[in-house]
Amino acid sequence: MKKVEIYTWAYCPFCIRAKALLSKKGVKYIEYPIDGDEEARLAMAKRANGSKTVPQIFINDYGIGGCDELYELENSSKLDTLLS
């Protein structure tokens, strides 16, 4: 299984939804909660090509985007390929 990382805020509904999908699929992920940590948010944005929205999800250091993009990959049957 590939390395999956997700930057989150505790009460972000999109973060919760993205983590739920990953958990449902049995994907182990590293979570970086960045609530109130501007330094961490800037590091995330740099890694995510300037995007400051959460969640930001990375599979083997490749930024796939956020929750909507994660579900797009799942609905098009491409997520499993990325994860294998």
C-alpha atoms as a PDB file:
ATOM      1  CA  MET A   1       0.000   0.000   0.000  1.00  0.00           C
ATOM      2  CA  LYS A   2       1.166   3.498  -0.810  1.00  0.00           C
ATOM      3  CA  LYS A   3       1.961   6.240   1.685  1.00  0.00           C
ATOM      4  CA  VAL A   4      -1.133   8.400   2.198  1.00  0.00           C
ATOM      5  CA  GLU A   5      -1.005  11.741   3.996  1.00  0.00           C
ATOM      6  CA  ILE A   6      -3.843  14.141   4.745  1.00  0.00           C
ATOM      7  CA  TYR A   7      -3.758  17.676   6.153  1.00  0.00           C
ATOM      8  CA  THR A   8      -6.881  18.428   8.182  1.00  0.00           C
ATOM      9  CA  TRP A   9      -8.765  20.683  10.549  1.00  0.00           C
ATOM     10  CA  ALA A  10     -10.647  18.976  13.388  1.00  0.00           C
ATOM     11  CA  TYR A  11     -14.164  20.148  12.543  1.00  0.00           C
ATOM     12  CA  CYS A  12     -13.885  20.422   8.760  1.00  0.00           C
ATOM     13  CA  PRO A  13     -16.736  18.380   7.219  1.00  0.00           C
ATOM     14  CA  PHE A  14     -14.706  17.759   4.063  1.00  0.00           C
ATOM     15  CA  CYS A  15     -11.785  16.443   6.128  1.00  0.00           C
ATOM     16  CA  ILE A  16     -14.113  14.160   8.062  1.00  0.00           C
ATOM     17  CA  ARG A  17     -15.668  12.884   4.824  1.00  0.00           C
ATOM     18  CA  ALA A  18     -12.279  12.252   3.185  1.00  0.00           C
ATOM     19  CA  LYS A  19     -10.971  10.385   6.229  1.00  0.00           C
ATOM     20  CA  ALA A  20     -14.175   8.324   6.346  1.00  0.00           C
ATOM     21  CA  LEU A  21     -13.676   7.163   2.753  1.00  0.00           C
ATOM     22  CA  LEU A  22     -10.045   6.275   3.371  1.00  0.00           C
ATOM     23  CA  SER A  23     -10.968   4.392   6.534  1.00  0.00           C
ATOM     24  CA  LYS A  24     -13.819   2.574   4.780  1.00  0.00           C
ATOM     25  CA  LYS A  25     -11.336   1.395   2.171  1.00  0.00           C
ATOM     26  CA  GLY A  26      -8.949   0.224   4.902  1.00  0.00           C
ATOM     27  CA  VAL A  27      -6.321   2.798   3.965  1.00  0.00           C
ATOM     28  CA  LYS A  28      -3.874   3.714   6.696  1.00  0.00           C
ATOM     29  CA  TYR A  29      -2.937   7.358   6.491  1.00  0.00           C
ATOM     30  CA  ILE A  30      -0.814   9.914   8.262  1.00  0.00           C
ATOM     31  CA  GLU A  31      -2.901  12.838   9.454  1.00  0.00           C
ATOM     32  CA  TYR A  32      -1.481  16.299   9.966  1.00  0.00           C
ATOM     33  CA  PRO A  33      -3.990  18.373  11.973  1.00  0.00           C
ATOM     34  CA  ILE A  34      -3.104  21.990  11.248  1.00  0.00           C
ATOM     35  CA  ASP A  35      -5.789  23.832  13.244  1.00  0.00           C
ATOM     36  CA  GLY A  36      -4.428  27.255  14.174  1.00  0.00           C
ATOM     37  CA  ASP A  37      -0.875  26.402  13.049  1.00  0.00           C
ATOM     38  CA  GLU A  38      -0.043  28.971  10.385  1.00  0.00           C
ATOM     39  CA  GLU A  39       3.453  27.559   9.865  1.00  0.00           C
ATOM     40  CA  ALA A  40       2.029  24.099   9.135  1.00  0.00           C
ATOM     41  CA  ARG A  41      -0.597  25.603   6.850  1.00  0.00           C
ATOM     42  CA  LEU A  42       2.072  27.442   4.859  1.00  0.00           C
ATOM     43  CA  ALA A  43       4.117  24.229   4.575  1.00  0.00           C
ATOM     44  CA  MET A  44       1.000  22.401   3.354  1.00  0.00           C
ATOM     45  CA  ALA A  45       0.264  25.165   0.829  1.00  0.00           C
ATOM     46  CA  LYS A  46       3.803  25.016  -0.506  1.00  0.00           C
ATOM     47  CA  ARG A  47       3.503  21.274  -0.918  1.00  0.00           C
ATOM     48  CA  ALA A  48       0.022  21.619  -2.496  1.00  0.00           C
ATOM     49  CA  ASN A  49       1.124  24.138  -5.149  1.00  0.00           C
ATOM     50  CA  GLY A  50      -0.344  27.089  -3.265  1.00  0.00           C
ATOM     51  CA  SER A  51      -3.669  25.585  -2.202  1.00  0.00           C
ATOM     52  CA  LYS A  52      -4.572  26.562   1.354  1.00  0.00           C
ATOM     53  CA  THR A  53      -7.853  24.664   1.642  1.00  0.00           C
ATOM     54  CA  VAL A  54      -8.224  21.485   3.675  1.00  0.00           C
ATOM     55  CA  PRO A  55      -8.090  18.650   3.332  1.00  0.00           C
ATOM     56  CA  GLN A  56      -5.038  18.280   1.142  1.00  0.00           C
ATOM     57  CA  ILE A  57      -4.321  14.653   0.333  1.00  0.00           C
ATOM     58  CA  PHE A  58      -1.080  13.140  -0.914  1.00  0.00           C
ATOM     59  CA  ILE A  59      -0.485   9.620  -2.176  1.00  0.00           C
ATOM     60  CA  ASN A  60       3.231   8.814  -2.349  1.00  0.00           C
ATOM     61  CA  ASP A  61       3.993  12.550  -2.276  1.00  0.00           C
ATOM     62  CA  TYR A  62       1.666  13.204  -5.234  1.00  0.00           C
ATOM     63  CA  GLY A  63      -0.968  15.808  -4.375  1.00  0.00           C
ATOM     64  CA  ILE A  64      -4.393  14.633  -5.488  1.00  0.00           C
ATOM     65  CA  GLY A  65      -6.225  17.654  -4.068  1.00  0.00           C
ATOM     66  CA  GLY A  66      -9.013  17.603  -1.533  1.00  0.00           C
ATOM     67  CA  CYS A  67     -12.172  15.720  -0.664  1.00  0.00           C
ATOM     68  CA  ASP A  68     -13.941  16.320  -3.977  1.00  0.00           C
ATOM     69  CA  GLU A  69     -10.961  15.054  -5.941  1.00  0.00           C
ATOM     70  CA  LEU A  70     -10.664  12.013  -3.681  1.00  0.00           C
ATOM     71  CA  TYR A  71     -14.305  11.092  -4.310  1.00  0.00           C
ATOM     72  CA  GLU A  72     -13.878  11.766  -8.050  1.00  0.00           C
ATOM     73  CA  LEU A  73     -11.040   9.253  -8.113  1.00  0.00           C
ATOM     74  CA  GLU A  74     -13.154   6.758  -6.177  1.00  0.00           C
ATOM     75  CA  ASN A  75     -16.191   7.204  -8.439  1.00  0.00           C
ATOM     76  CA  SER A  76     -14.099   6.778 -11.579  1.00  0.00           C
ATOM     77  CA  SER A  77     -12.427   3.621 -10.163  1.00  0.00           C
ATOM     78  CA  LYS A  78      -8.993   5.273 -10.239  1.00  0.00           C
ATOM     79  CA  LEU A  79      -8.403   5.531  -6.489  1.00  0.00           C
ATOM     80  CA  ASP A  80      -7.671   1.828  -6.019  1.00  0.00           C
ATOM     81  CA  THR A  81      -5.082   2.000  -8.806  1.00  0.00           C
ATOM     82  CA  LEU A  82      -3.365   4.953  -7.125  1.00  0.00           C
ATOM     83  CA  LEU A  83      -3.355   3.138  -3.804  1.00  0.00           C
ATOM     84  CA  SER A  84      -2.001  -0.204  -5.082  1.00  0.00           C
END
